[in-house]
C-alpha atoms as a PDB file:
ATOM      1  CA  MET A   1      -2.432 -19.209  11.009  1.00  0.00           C
ATOM      2  CA  THR A   2       0.788 -20.097  12.015  1.00  0.00           C
ATOM      3  CA  ALA A   3       2.830 -20.178   8.340  1.00  0.00           C
ATOM      4  CA  SER A   4       2.780 -17.980   5.403  1.00  0.00           C
ATOM      5  CA  THR A   5       0.338 -19.453   2.551  1.00  0.00           C
ATOM      6  CA  VAL A   6       1.331 -17.972  -0.373  1.00  0.00           C
ATOM      7  CA  LEU A   7       4.752 -17.952  -1.896  1.00  0.00           C
ATOM      8  CA  GLN A   8       6.952 -14.833  -1.836  1.00  0.00           C
ATOM      9  CA  SER A   9       6.944 -13.176  -4.995  1.00  0.00           C
ATOM     10  CA  ILE A  10       6.403 -10.558  -7.026  1.00  0.00           C
ATOM     11  CA  LEU A  11       4.904 -12.517  -9.944  1.00  0.00           C
ATOM     12  CA  ASP A  12       1.787 -13.062  -7.998  1.00  0.00           C
ATOM     13  CA  PRO A  13       0.224  -9.940  -7.139  1.00  0.00           C
ATOM     14  CA  ALA A  14      -2.575  -9.812  -4.448  1.00  0.00           C
ATOM     15  CA  GLY A  15      -3.314  -6.431  -4.117  1.00  0.00           C
ATOM     16  CA  PRO A  16      -3.844  -3.242  -7.053  1.00  0.00           C
ATOM     17  CA  GLN A  17      -0.595  -2.091  -6.048  1.00  0.00           C
ATOM     18  CA  ALA A  18       1.464  -4.957  -6.164  1.00  0.00           C
ATOM     19  CA  ALA A  19      -0.470  -5.523  -9.964  1.00  0.00           C
ATOM     20  CA  TYR A  20       0.795  -2.319 -11.343  1.00  0.00           C
ATOM     21  CA  ILE A  21       4.483  -3.141 -10.228  1.00  0.00           C
ATOM     22  CA  SER A  22       4.453  -6.932 -11.954  1.00  0.00           C
ATOM     23  CA  ARG A  23       2.567  -5.419 -15.367  1.00  0.00           C
ATOM     24  CA  LEU A  24       5.143  -3.015 -15.467  1.00  0.00           C
ATOM     25  CA  TRP A  25       8.255  -5.951 -14.706  1.00  0.00           C
ATOM     26  CA  TRP A  26       6.651  -8.337 -17.330  1.00  0.00           C
ATOM     27  CA  LEU A  27       6.327  -5.275 -19.880  1.00  0.00           C
ATOM     28  CA  MET A  28      10.520  -4.727 -19.121  1.00  0.00           C
ATOM     29  CA  LEU A  29      11.042  -8.574 -19.671  1.00  0.00           C
ATOM     30  CA  TRP A  30       8.786  -8.282 -22.896  1.00  0.00           C
ATOM     31  CA  VAL A  31      10.783  -5.380 -23.950  1.00  0.00           C
ATOM     32  CA  THR A  32      14.137  -6.281 -23.481  1.00  0.00           C
ATOM     33  CA  THR A  33      14.029  -9.989 -24.362  1.00  0.00           C
ATOM     34  CA  ILE A  34      12.596  -8.334 -28.079  1.00  0.00           C
ATOM     35  CA  VAL A  35      15.226  -6.146 -28.565  1.00  0.00           C
ATOM     36  CA  PHE A  36      17.924  -9.061 -26.999  1.00  0.00           C
ATOM     37  CA  VAL A  37      16.385 -11.487 -29.736  1.00  0.00           C
ATOM     38  CA  LEU A  38      16.627  -8.760 -32.516  1.00  0.00           C
ATOM     39  CA  VAL A  39      19.793  -7.607 -31.724  1.00  0.00           C
ATOM     40  CA  LEU A  40      21.138 -10.997 -31.914  1.00  0.00           C
ATOM     41  CA  GLY A  41      19.590 -11.490 -35.402  1.00  0.00           C
ATOM     42  CA  PHE A  42      21.516  -8.670 -36.617  1.00  0.00           C
ATOM     43  CA  LEU A  43      24.335  -9.658 -35.331  1.00  0.00           C
ATOM     44  CA  ALA A  44      23.941 -13.448 -36.781  1.00  0.00           C
ATOM     45  CA  ALA A  45      22.686 -11.879 -40.057  1.00  0.00           C
ATOM     46  CA  ALA A  46      26.044  -9.786 -40.180  1.00  0.00           C
ATOM     47  CA  LEU A  47      28.447 -12.447 -39.327  1.00  0.00           C
ATOM     48  CA  LEU A  48      26.612 -14.836 -41.890  1.00  0.00           C
ATOM     49  CA  ARG A  49      25.965 -12.481 -45.095  1.00  0.00           C
ATOM     50  CA  ARG A  50      28.777 -11.903 -47.136  1.00  0.00           C
ATOM     51  CA  ARG A  51      30.651  -8.659 -46.572  1.00  0.00           C
ATOM     52  CA  ARG A  52      29.756  -5.876 -49.096  1.00  0.00           C
ATOM     53  CA  ALA A  53      31.709  -2.026 -49.780  1.00  0.00           C
ATOM     54  CA  THR A  54      29.086   0.276 -47.392  1.00  0.00           C
ATOM     55  CA  SER A  55      28.716   3.732 -47.919  1.00  0.00           C
ATOM     56  CA  GLU A  56      29.245   5.908 -44.932  1.00  0.00           C
ATOM     57  CA  GLN A  57      25.648   6.841 -45.710  1.00  0.00           C
ATOM     58  CA  SER A  58      24.323   3.887 -45.289  1.00  0.00           C
ATOM     59  CA  LEU A  59      26.273   3.614 -42.026  1.00  0.00           C
ATOM     60  CA  ALA A  60      24.917   7.026 -40.453  1.00  0.00           C
ATOM     61  CA  ARG A  61      21.311   5.652 -41.258  1.00  0.00           C
ATOM     62  CA  ALA A  62      22.045   2.760 -39.229  1.00  0.00           C
ATOM     63  CA  VAL A  63      23.688   4.378 -36.478  1.00  0.00           C
ATOM     64  CA  VAL A  64      21.005   7.195 -36.458  1.00  0.00           C
ATOM     65  CA  ALA A  65      17.990   4.126 -36.759  1.00  0.00           C
ATOM     66  CA  ALA A  66      19.678   2.235 -34.027  1.00  0.00           C
ATOM     67  CA  VAL A  67      20.022   5.571 -31.859  1.00  0.00           C
ATOM     68  CA  GLY A  68      16.806   6.391 -32.711  1.00  0.00           C
ATOM     69  CA  ALA A  69      14.968   2.976 -31.513  1.00  0.00           C
ATOM     70  CA  THR A  70      16.741   2.928 -28.195  1.00  0.00           C
ATOM     71  CA  VAL A  71      15.304   6.462 -27.565  1.00  0.00           C
ATOM     72  CA  VAL A  72      12.230   5.306 -28.222  1.00  0.00           C
ATOM     73  CA  ILE A  73      12.008   2.163 -26.391  1.00  0.00           C
ATOM     74  CA  LEU A  74      14.294   3.755 -23.078  1.00  0.00           C
ATOM     75  CA  PHE A  75      11.590   6.720 -23.448  1.00  0.00           C
ATOM     76  CA  GLY A  76       8.563   4.630 -23.208  1.00  0.00           C
ATOM     77  CA  LEU A  77       9.818   2.664 -20.386  1.00  0.00           C
ATOM     78  CA  LEU A  78      10.447   5.564 -18.747  1.00  0.00           C
ATOM     79  CA  ILE A  79       6.487   6.623 -19.091  1.00  0.00           C
ATOM     80  CA  ALA A  80       5.190   3.438 -18.242  1.00  0.00           C
ATOM     81  CA  SER A  81       7.768   4.099 -14.982  1.00  0.00           C
ATOM     82  CA  VAL A  82       6.258   6.967 -13.846  1.00  0.00           C
ATOM     83  CA  TRP A  83       2.715   6.118 -14.997  1.00  0.00           C
ATOM     84  CA  THR A  84       3.147   3.335 -12.863  1.00  0.00           C
ATOM     85  CA  GLY A  85       4.679   4.945  -9.648  1.00  0.00           C
ATOM     86  CA  ARG A  86       1.879   7.673  -9.935  1.00  0.00           C
ATOM     87  CA  ALA A  87      -0.537   4.433  -9.648  1.00  0.00           C
ATOM     88  CA  VAL A  88       1.011   3.211  -7.100  1.00  0.00           C
ATOM     89  CA  ALA A  89       0.897   6.136  -4.599  1.00  0.00           C
ATOM     90  CA  SER A  90      -2.789   7.210  -5.943  1.00  0.00           C
ATOM     91  CA  LEU A  91      -4.626   4.500  -3.899  1.00  0.00           C
ATOM     92  CA  GLY A  92      -7.952   6.204  -2.509  1.00  0.00           C
ATOM     93  CA  ALA A  93      -7.581   6.604   1.734  1.00  0.00           C
ATOM     94  CA  THR A  94     -11.322   5.815   1.765  1.00  0.00           C
ATOM     95  CA  SER A  95     -12.087   3.451   4.939  1.00  0.00           C
ATOM     96  CA  ALA A  96      -8.157   3.054   5.069  1.00  0.00           C
ATOM     97  CA  VAL A  97      -6.721   1.504   8.399  1.00  0.00           C
ATOM     98  CA  THR A  98      -3.961   3.853   9.899  1.00  0.00           C
ATOM     99  CA  ILE A  99      -0.610   0.919  11.263  1.00  0.00           C
ATOM    100  CA  GLU A 100       2.675   2.611  12.098  1.00  0.00           C
ATOM    101  CA  ILE A 101       5.321  -0.296  11.330  1.00  0.00           C
ATOM    102  CA  VAL A 102       8.974   0.713  13.079  1.00  0.00           C
ATOM    103  CA  GLY A 103      11.961  -1.433  12.629  1.00  0.00           C
ATOM    104  CA  HIS A 104      14.479  -2.456  14.865  1.00  0.00           C
ATOM    105  CA  GLN A 105      17.162  -4.666  14.693  1.00  0.00           C
ATOM    106  CA  PHE A 106      15.806  -7.216  14.361  1.00  0.00           C
ATOM    107  CA  TRP A 107      12.261  -7.052  14.750  1.00  0.00           C
ATOM    108  CA  TRP A 108       9.262  -5.602  13.853  1.00  0.00           C
ATOM    109  CA  GLU A 109       6.983  -3.140  16.110  1.00  0.00           C
ATOM    110  CA  VAL A 110       3.204  -2.731  15.100  1.00  0.00           C
ATOM    111  CA  GLN A 111       1.077  -0.067  16.516  1.00  0.00           C
ATOM    112  CA  PHE A 112      -2.784  -0.133  15.469  1.00  0.00           C
ATOM    113  CA  ASP A 113      -3.972   3.773  15.778  1.00  0.00           C
ATOM    114  CA  ASP A 114      -6.717   4.965  17.189  1.00  0.00           C
ATOM    115  CA  ALA A 115      -8.430   8.530  17.709  1.00  0.00           C
ATOM    116  CA  ASP A 116      -9.266   7.294  21.736  1.00  0.00           C
ATOM    117  CA  PRO A 117      -5.125   6.237  23.454  1.00  0.00           C
ATOM    118  CA  SER A 118      -7.047   3.436  24.995  1.00  0.00           C
ATOM    119  CA  ARG A 119      -7.747   1.549  22.248  1.00  0.00           C
ATOM    120  CA  ARG A 120      -4.431   1.715  20.896  1.00  0.00           C
ATOM    121  CA  VAL A 121      -2.985  -1.497  20.116  1.00  0.00           C
ATOM    122  CA  THR A 122       0.935  -3.007  19.385  1.00  0.00           C
ATOM    123  CA  THR A 123       2.123  -5.869  18.881  1.00  0.00           C
ATOM    124  CA  ALA A 124       5.247  -7.363  16.761  1.00  0.00           C
ATOM    125  CA  ASN A 125       6.374  -9.280  14.206  1.00  0.00           C
ATOM    126  CA  GLU A 126       2.593  -9.703  12.533  1.00  0.00           C
ATOM    127  CA  LEU A 127       0.834  -6.981  10.945  1.00  0.00           C
ATOM    128  CA  HIS A 128      -3.238  -8.375  10.169  1.00  0.00           C
ATOM    129  CA  VAL A 129      -5.035  -5.972   7.948  1.00  0.00           C
ATOM    130  CA  PRO A 130      -8.881  -6.680   6.472  1.00  0.00           C
ATOM    131  CA  VAL A 131      -9.198  -7.890   3.140  1.00  0.00           C
ATOM    132  CA  GLY A 132     -10.375  -5.197   0.498  1.00  0.00           C
ATOM    133  CA  ARG A 133      -9.777  -1.710   2.831  1.00  0.00           C
ATOM    134  CA  PRO A 134      -6.732   0.576   1.960  1.00  0.00           C
ATOM    135  CA  VAL A 135      -3.848   0.076   4.935  1.00  0.00           C
ATOM    136  CA  VAL A 136      -1.886   3.061   5.321  1.00  0.00           C
ATOM    137  CA  LEU A 137       1.575   2.285   6.689  1.00  0.00           C
ATOM    138  CA  LYS A 138       3.559   4.950   8.819  1.00  0.00           C
ATOM    139  CA  VAL A 139       7.012   3.348   8.339  1.00  0.00           C
ATOM    140  CA  THR A 140      10.085   4.672  10.456  1.00  0.00           C
ATOM    141  CA  SER A 141      13.079   2.751  12.338  1.00  0.00           C
ATOM    142  CA  ARG A 142      14.293   3.357  16.069  1.00  0.00           C
ATOM    143  CA  ASP A 143      18.234   1.892  14.691  1.00  0.00           C
ATOM    144  CA  VAL A 144      19.449   1.717  11.185  1.00  0.00           C
ATOM    145  CA  ILE A 145      17.519   1.998   8.173  1.00  0.00           C
ATOM    146  CA  HIS A 146      15.922  -1.100   7.373  1.00  0.00           C
ATOM    147  CA  SER A 147      13.228  -1.288   4.408  1.00  0.00           C
ATOM    148  CA  PHE A 148      10.014  -2.651   4.905  1.00  0.00           C
ATOM    149  CA  TRP A 149       8.686  -5.340   1.719  1.00  0.00           C
ATOM    150  CA  ALA A 150       6.132  -7.472   1.055  1.00  0.00           C
ATOM    151  CA  PRO A 151       6.115  -8.843  -2.786  1.00  0.00           C
ATOM    152  CA  ASN A 152       2.623 -10.017  -3.001  1.00  0.00           C
ATOM    153  CA  LEU A 153       1.334  -6.395  -2.128  1.00  0.00           C
ATOM    154  CA  HIS A 154       3.599  -3.699  -2.596  1.00  0.00           C
ATOM    155  CA  GLY A 155       7.197  -2.531  -3.265  1.00  0.00           C
ATOM    156  CA  LYS A 156       9.792  -1.882  -0.717  1.00  0.00           C
ATOM    157  CA  ARG A 157       9.998   1.008   0.948  1.00  0.00           C
ATOM    158  CA  ASP A 158      12.630   2.165   3.305  1.00  0.00           C
ATOM    159  CA  LEU A 159      12.698   2.899   7.086  1.00  0.00           C
ATOM    160  CA  ILE A 160      14.663   5.881   7.810  1.00  0.00           C
ATOM    161  CA  PRO A 161      15.451   6.655  11.904  1.00  0.00           C
ATOM    162  CA  GLY A 162      14.036   9.915  12.698  1.00  0.00           C
ATOM    163  CA  TYR A 163      11.816  10.129   9.433  1.00  0.00           C
ATOM    164  CA  THR A 164       8.382   8.392   8.856  1.00  0.00           C
ATOM    165  CA  THR A 165       7.283   7.909   5.387  1.00  0.00           C
ATOM    166  CA  ALA A 166       3.540   6.302   4.441  1.00  0.00           C
ATOM    167  CA  ILE A 167       2.631   3.902   1.870  1.00  0.00           C
ATOM    168  CA  TRP A 168      -0.496   1.922   0.678  1.00  0.00           C
ATOM    169  CA  ILE A 169      -1.513  -1.357   1.279  1.00  0.00           C
ATOM    170  CA  GLN A 170      -4.585  -3.613   0.257  1.00  0.00           C
ATOM    171  CA  ALA A 171      -4.949  -7.450   0.090  1.00  0.00           C
ATOM    172  CA  ASP A 172      -7.637  -8.538  -2.439  1.00  0.00           C
ATOM    173  CA  ARG A 173      -7.770 -12.353  -1.222  1.00  0.00           C
ATOM    174  CA  PRO A 174      -7.628 -13.779   2.733  1.00  0.00           C
ATOM    175  CA  ALA A 175      -3.904 -15.223   3.082  1.00  0.00           C
ATOM    176  CA  VAL A 176      -1.015 -14.830   4.504  1.00  0.00           C
ATOM    177  CA  TYR A 177       1.712 -13.158   3.015  1.00  0.00           C
ATOM    178  CA  ARG A 178       5.462 -13.122   3.804  1.00  0.00           C
ATOM    179  CA  ALA A 179       7.248  -9.240   4.637  1.00  0.00           C
ATOM    180  CA  GLN A 180      10.724  -9.188   5.130  1.00  0.00           C
ATOM    181  CA  CYS A 181      13.595  -6.579   5.807  1.00  0.00           C
ATOM    182  CA  ALA A 182      15.194  -5.338   2.179  1.00  0.00           C
ATOM    183  CA  GLU A 183      17.906  -3.329   3.521  1.00  0.00           C
ATOM    184  CA  PHE A 184      21.260  -4.778   5.212  1.00  0.00           C
ATOM    185  CA  CYS A 185      20.576  -3.848   8.938  1.00  0.00           C
ATOM    186  CA  GLY A 186      23.074  -5.941  10.323  1.00  0.00           C
ATOM    187  CA  LYS A 187      24.219  -9.679  11.336  1.00  0.00           C
ATOM    188  CA  GLN A 188      20.583 -10.894  11.580  1.00  0.00           C
ATOM    189  CA  HIS A 189      19.278  -9.227   8.653  1.00  0.00           C
ATOM    190  CA  ALA A 190      17.693 -12.289   6.821  1.00  0.00           C
ATOM    191  CA  HIS A 191      16.093 -13.079   9.858  1.00  0.00           C
ATOM    192  CA  MET A 192      13.945 -10.142   9.952  1.00  0.00           C
ATOM    193  CA  ALA A 193      10.359 -10.937   8.720  1.00  0.00           C
ATOM    194  CA  LEU A 194       6.763 -10.589   9.598  1.00  0.00           C
ATOM    195  CA  ASP A 195       3.729 -12.329   8.062  1.00  0.00           C
ATOM    196  CA  VAL A 196       0.848  -9.930   6.637  1.00  0.00           C
ATOM    197  CA  VAL A 197      -2.118 -12.049   8.115  1.00  0.00           C
ATOM    198  CA  ALA A 198      -5.295 -10.686   5.554  1.00  0.00           C
ATOM    199  CA  GLU A 199      -8.432 -11.451   6.658  1.00  0.00           C
ATOM    200  CA  THR A 200     -11.770 -10.695   6.490  1.00  0.00           C
ATOM    201  CA  GLU A 201     -13.295  -7.412   7.979  1.00  0.00           C
ATOM    202  CA  ALA A 202     -15.170  -9.137  11.005  1.00  0.00           C
ATOM    203  CA  GLN A 203     -12.353 -11.346  11.651  1.00  0.00           C
ATOM    204  CA  PHE A 204      -9.589  -8.850  11.743  1.00  0.00           C
ATOM    205  CA  GLU A 205     -12.327  -6.581  14.304  1.00  0.00           C
ATOM    206  CA  ARG A 206     -12.308  -9.706  16.470  1.00  0.00           C
ATOM    207  CA  TRP A 207      -8.530  -9.608  15.797  1.00  0.00           C
ATOM    208  CA  LEU A 208      -8.223  -6.222  16.850  1.00  0.00           C
ATOM    209  CA  ASP A 209     -11.158  -6.280  19.813  1.00  0.00           C
ATOM    210  CA  ALA A 210      -9.080  -9.326  21.453  1.00  0.00           C
ATOM    211  CA  GLN A 211      -5.868  -7.519  21.030  1.00  0.00           C
ATOM    212  CA  ARG A 212      -7.035  -4.159  22.911  1.00  0.00           C
ATOM    213  CA  LYS A 213      -8.090  -6.084  26.029  1.00  0.00           C
ATOM    214  CA  PRO A 214      -5.354  -6.575  28.582  1.00  0.00           C
ATOM    215  CA  ALA A 215      -3.088  -9.131  29.340  1.00  0.00           C
ATOM    216  CA  ALA A 216      -5.209 -12.238  30.975  1.00  0.00           C
ATOM    217  CA  GLU A 217      -4.809 -12.797  34.910  1.00  0.00           C
ATOM    218  CA  PRO A 218      -3.534 -15.924  36.179  1.00  0.00           C
ATOM    219  CA  ALA A 219      -6.040 -18.488  37.149  1.00  0.00           C
ATOM    220  CA  ASN A 220      -3.651 -20.950  38.898  1.00  0.00           C
ATOM    221  CA  GLU A 221      -0.746 -21.189  41.133  1.00  0.00           C
ATOM    222  CA  SER A 222       1.298 -22.037  38.685  1.00  0.00           C
ATOM    223  CA  GLU A 223       0.765 -18.993  35.934  1.00  0.00           C
ATOM    224  CA  ALA A 224       0.985 -16.912  39.199  1.00  0.00           C
ATOM    225  CA  ARG A 225       4.220 -18.093  39.980  1.00  0.00           C
ATOM    226  CA  GLY A 226       5.452 -17.608  36.054  1.00  0.00           C
ATOM    227  CA  ARG A 227       4.208 -14.220  35.964  1.00  0.00           C
ATOM    228  CA  ASP A 228       6.100 -13.672  39.135  1.00  0.00           C
ATOM    229  CA  ALA A 229       9.488 -14.944  37.743  1.00  0.00           C
ATOM    230  CA  PHE A 230       8.521 -12.693  34.340  1.00  0.00           C
ATOM    231  CA  MET A 231       8.245  -9.450  36.821  1.00  0.00           C
ATOM    232  CA  ARG A 232      11.370 -10.260  39.435  1.00  0.00           C
ATOM    233  CA  ARG A 233      13.677 -10.877  36.685  1.00  0.00           C
ATOM    234  CA  GLN A 234      15.074  -8.626  33.678  1.00  0.00           C
ATOM    235  CA  CYS A 235      12.303  -9.374  31.613  1.00  0.00           C
ATOM    236  CA  VAL A 236      10.347  -6.462  32.466  1.00  0.00           C
ATOM    237  CA  LEU A 237      13.798  -3.904  31.624  1.00  0.00           C
ATOM    238  CA  CYS A 238      12.543  -4.507  28.326  1.00  0.00           C
ATOM    239  CA  HIS A 239       9.231  -5.858  27.466  1.00  0.00           C
ATOM    240  CA  SER A 240       5.829  -4.466  27.980  1.00  0.00           C
ATOM    241  CA  ILE A 241       2.416  -6.418  29.272  1.00  0.00           C
ATOM    242  CA  ARG A 242      -0.601  -4.094  29.310  1.00  0.00           C
ATOM    243  CA  GLY A 243      -2.468  -4.374  32.766  1.00  0.00           C
ATOM    244  CA  THR A 244       0.769  -5.230  34.653  1.00  0.00           C
ATOM    245  CA  LEU A 245       3.888  -3.041  36.114  1.00  0.00           C
ATOM    246  CA  ALA A 246       6.200  -4.420  33.002  1.00  0.00           C
ATOM    247  CA  ARG A 247       6.706  -1.801  31.073  1.00  0.00           C
ATOM    248  CA  GLY A 248       9.542  -1.848  28.855  1.00  0.00           C
ATOM    249  CA  LEU A 249       9.860  -0.651  25.360  1.00  0.00           C
ATOM    250  CA  VAL A 250      13.187  -2.243  23.846  1.00  0.00           C
ATOM    251  CA  GLY A 251      11.609  -5.760  23.580  1.00  0.00           C
ATOM    252  CA  PRO A 252       8.700  -6.263  21.454  1.00  0.00           C
ATOM    253  CA  ASP A 253       5.198  -6.288  23.539  1.00  0.00           C
ATOM    254  CA  LEU A 254       4.351  -9.665  25.288  1.00  0.00           C
ATOM    255  CA  THR A 255       0.220  -9.028  26.071  1.00  0.00           C
ATOM    256  CA  HIS A 256      -0.858 -11.634  23.579  1.00  0.00           C
ATOM    257  CA  LEU A 257       1.973 -13.302  22.793  1.00  0.00           C
ATOM    258  CA  ALA A 258       0.405 -16.545  22.692  1.00  0.00           C
ATOM    259  CA  SER A 259      -2.067 -15.648  19.800  1.00  0.00           C
ATOM    260  CA  ARG A 260       1.436 -15.097  17.068  1.00  0.00           C
ATOM    261  CA  GLY A 261       2.089 -17.851  14.532  1.00  0.00           C
ATOM    262  CA  LYS A 262       5.890 -16.947  14.840  1.00  0.00           C
ATOM    263  CA  LEU A 263       8.934 -16.269  17.314  1.00  0.00           C
ATOM    264  CA  ALA A 264      11.696 -14.059  16.883  1.00  0.00           C
ATOM    265  CA  ALA A 265      10.560 -12.132  13.681  1.00  0.00           C
ATOM    266  CA  GLY A 266       9.312 -15.464  11.598  1.00  0.00           C
ATOM    267  CA  THR A 267      12.170 -17.181  12.908  1.00  0.00           C
ATOM    268  CA  LEU A 268      10.438 -20.119  15.176  1.00  0.00           C
ATOM    269  CA  PRO A 269       7.529 -21.409  15.495  1.00  0.00           C
ATOM    270  CA  ASN A 270       5.247 -20.388  18.462  1.00  0.00           C
ATOM    271  CA  THR A 271       5.150 -23.318  20.429  1.00  0.00           C
ATOM    272  CA  ARG A 272       6.133 -23.880  23.925  1.00  0.00           C
ATOM    273  CA  GLY A 273       9.342 -25.462  23.463  1.00  0.00           C
ATOM    274  CA  HIS A 274      10.868 -23.027  21.128  1.00  0.00           C
ATOM    275  CA  LEU A 275       9.550 -20.107  23.472  1.00  0.00           C
ATOM    276  CA  GLY A 276      11.959 -22.029  26.029  1.00  0.00           C
ATOM    277  CA  GLY A 277      14.761 -22.520  24.330  1.00  0.00           C
ATOM    278  CA  TRP A 278      14.725 -18.924  23.005  1.00  0.00           C
ATOM    279  CA  ILE A 279      14.199 -17.154  27.034  1.00  0.00           C
ATOM    280  CA  MET A 280      17.281 -19.788  27.935  1.00  0.00           C
ATOM    281  CA  ASN A 281      19.543 -18.792  25.328  1.00  0.00           C
ATOM    282  CA  SER A 282      18.582 -16.839  22.034  1.00  0.00           C
ATOM    283  CA  GLN A 283      21.590 -16.007  20.692  1.00  0.00           C
ATOM    284  CA  GLU A 284      22.244 -19.734  19.337  1.00  0.00           C
ATOM    285  CA  ILE A 285      19.380 -19.187  17.795  1.00  0.00           C
ATOM    286  CA  LYS A 286      19.590 -16.063  16.135  1.00  0.00           C
ATOM    287  CA  PRO A 287      23.203 -14.582  17.403  1.00  0.00           C
ATOM    288  CA  GLY A 288      23.516 -10.794  17.493  1.00  0.00           C
ATOM    289  CA  ASN A 289      19.899 -10.004  18.526  1.00  0.00           C
ATOM    290  CA  LEU A 290      19.335  -7.356  21.938  1.00  0.00           C
ATOM    291  CA  MET A 291      18.200 -10.833  23.862  1.00  0.00           C
ATOM    292  CA  PRO A 292      20.634 -11.871  26.283  1.00  0.00           C
ATOM    293  CA  PRO A 293      21.146 -14.947  28.305  1.00  0.00           C
ATOM    294  CA  ASN A 294      19.005 -16.216  31.174  1.00  0.00           C
ATOM    295  CA  LEU A 295      19.849 -18.363  33.954  1.00  0.00           C
ATOM    296  CA  MET A 296      16.847 -19.916  35.942  1.00  0.00           C
ATOM    297  CA  THR A 297      15.824 -23.460  37.082  1.00  0.00           C
ATOM    298  CA  SER A 298      13.710 -25.868  35.530  1.00  0.00           C
ATOM    299  CA  ASP A 299      10.671 -25.207  37.434  1.00  0.00           C
ATOM    300  CA  GLU A 300      10.876 -21.724  36.787  1.00  0.00           C
ATOM    301  CA  LEU A 301      11.353 -21.606  33.569  1.00  0.00           C
ATOM    302  CA  GLN A 302       8.332 -24.053  32.836  1.00  0.00           C
ATOM    303  CA  SER A 303       6.203 -21.785  35.602  1.00  0.00           C
ATOM    304  CA  LEU A 304       7.284 -19.025  32.875  1.00  0.00           C
ATOM    305  CA  LEU A 305       6.187 -20.555  29.975  1.00  0.00           C
ATOM    306  CA  THR A 306       2.945 -21.254  31.102  1.00  0.00           C
ATOM    307  CA  TYR A 307       2.013 -17.948  32.538  1.00  0.00           C
ATOM    308  CA  LEU A 308       3.413 -17.243  28.972  1.00  0.00           C
ATOM    309  CA  GLU A 309       0.997 -19.151  27.205  1.00  0.00           C
ATOM    310  CA  ILE A 310      -2.110 -17.723  28.946  1.00  0.00           C
ATOM    311  CA  LEU A 311      -1.082 -14.379  26.998  1.00  0.00           C
ATOM    312  CA  LYS A 312      -3.574 -14.580  24.074  1.00  0.00           C
END
């Protein structure tokens, strides 16, 4: 999947938490709409009818009635909000998948936890989840405050540096749902997106097994030259490719880069041409990101692209 297939909206819930939030939104909309219409109706009646002398006692009763109705409405909405908050936080942990999401300027690091360290998976800007199973998202940040928001699946949750919080999500149907940073975090805040790929249990397990494998080895001279170019340049200082000497921690893990649908946190489709442009001068595409421009010959770039394309 290379593009979001579901419109990003709280009005199209695809999971239990999003459904609770959507119902609360509709309740508040209808209640406030009714109040608005009633207020306009009383105002119109007051303006159009003939004015009569009104006793202070009648005015006092009207004020008490208006204040009382307001208190009842607000208290009812408060109860609904508290109930929704408790319901959103109470999804059961049975057979839950645990995933850690780390916010960076301006991309997402995604780590799939496992009791066996050798089976842990790290990827970037793409979150795969099994349909129908609760998923625990442990969220934190490495730099500034970010906010994870996948409106079709859950409400916002802030990512705070040095502090880890957890939320539950569950996708009820297969699709690709767009998530994004919802807290201003710098120049490229608007270009910090993440695709949540909800798939069947079998598809998820196949994807996870493939992600656990080390990077593919070069099968020909061009691929070998591309790997050599990657290793001798500054790429290795920031990026990691499992099974190689590249162990950088500043930028996204590239072990299975070619399996991802998008580049630069949802900014570009993952094609050879876009990848080449990103490598040569990412600042033209996403000004303010931490990746510096790279100067290399055309032949060297083509070999590097050939190597990166085998990392599936």
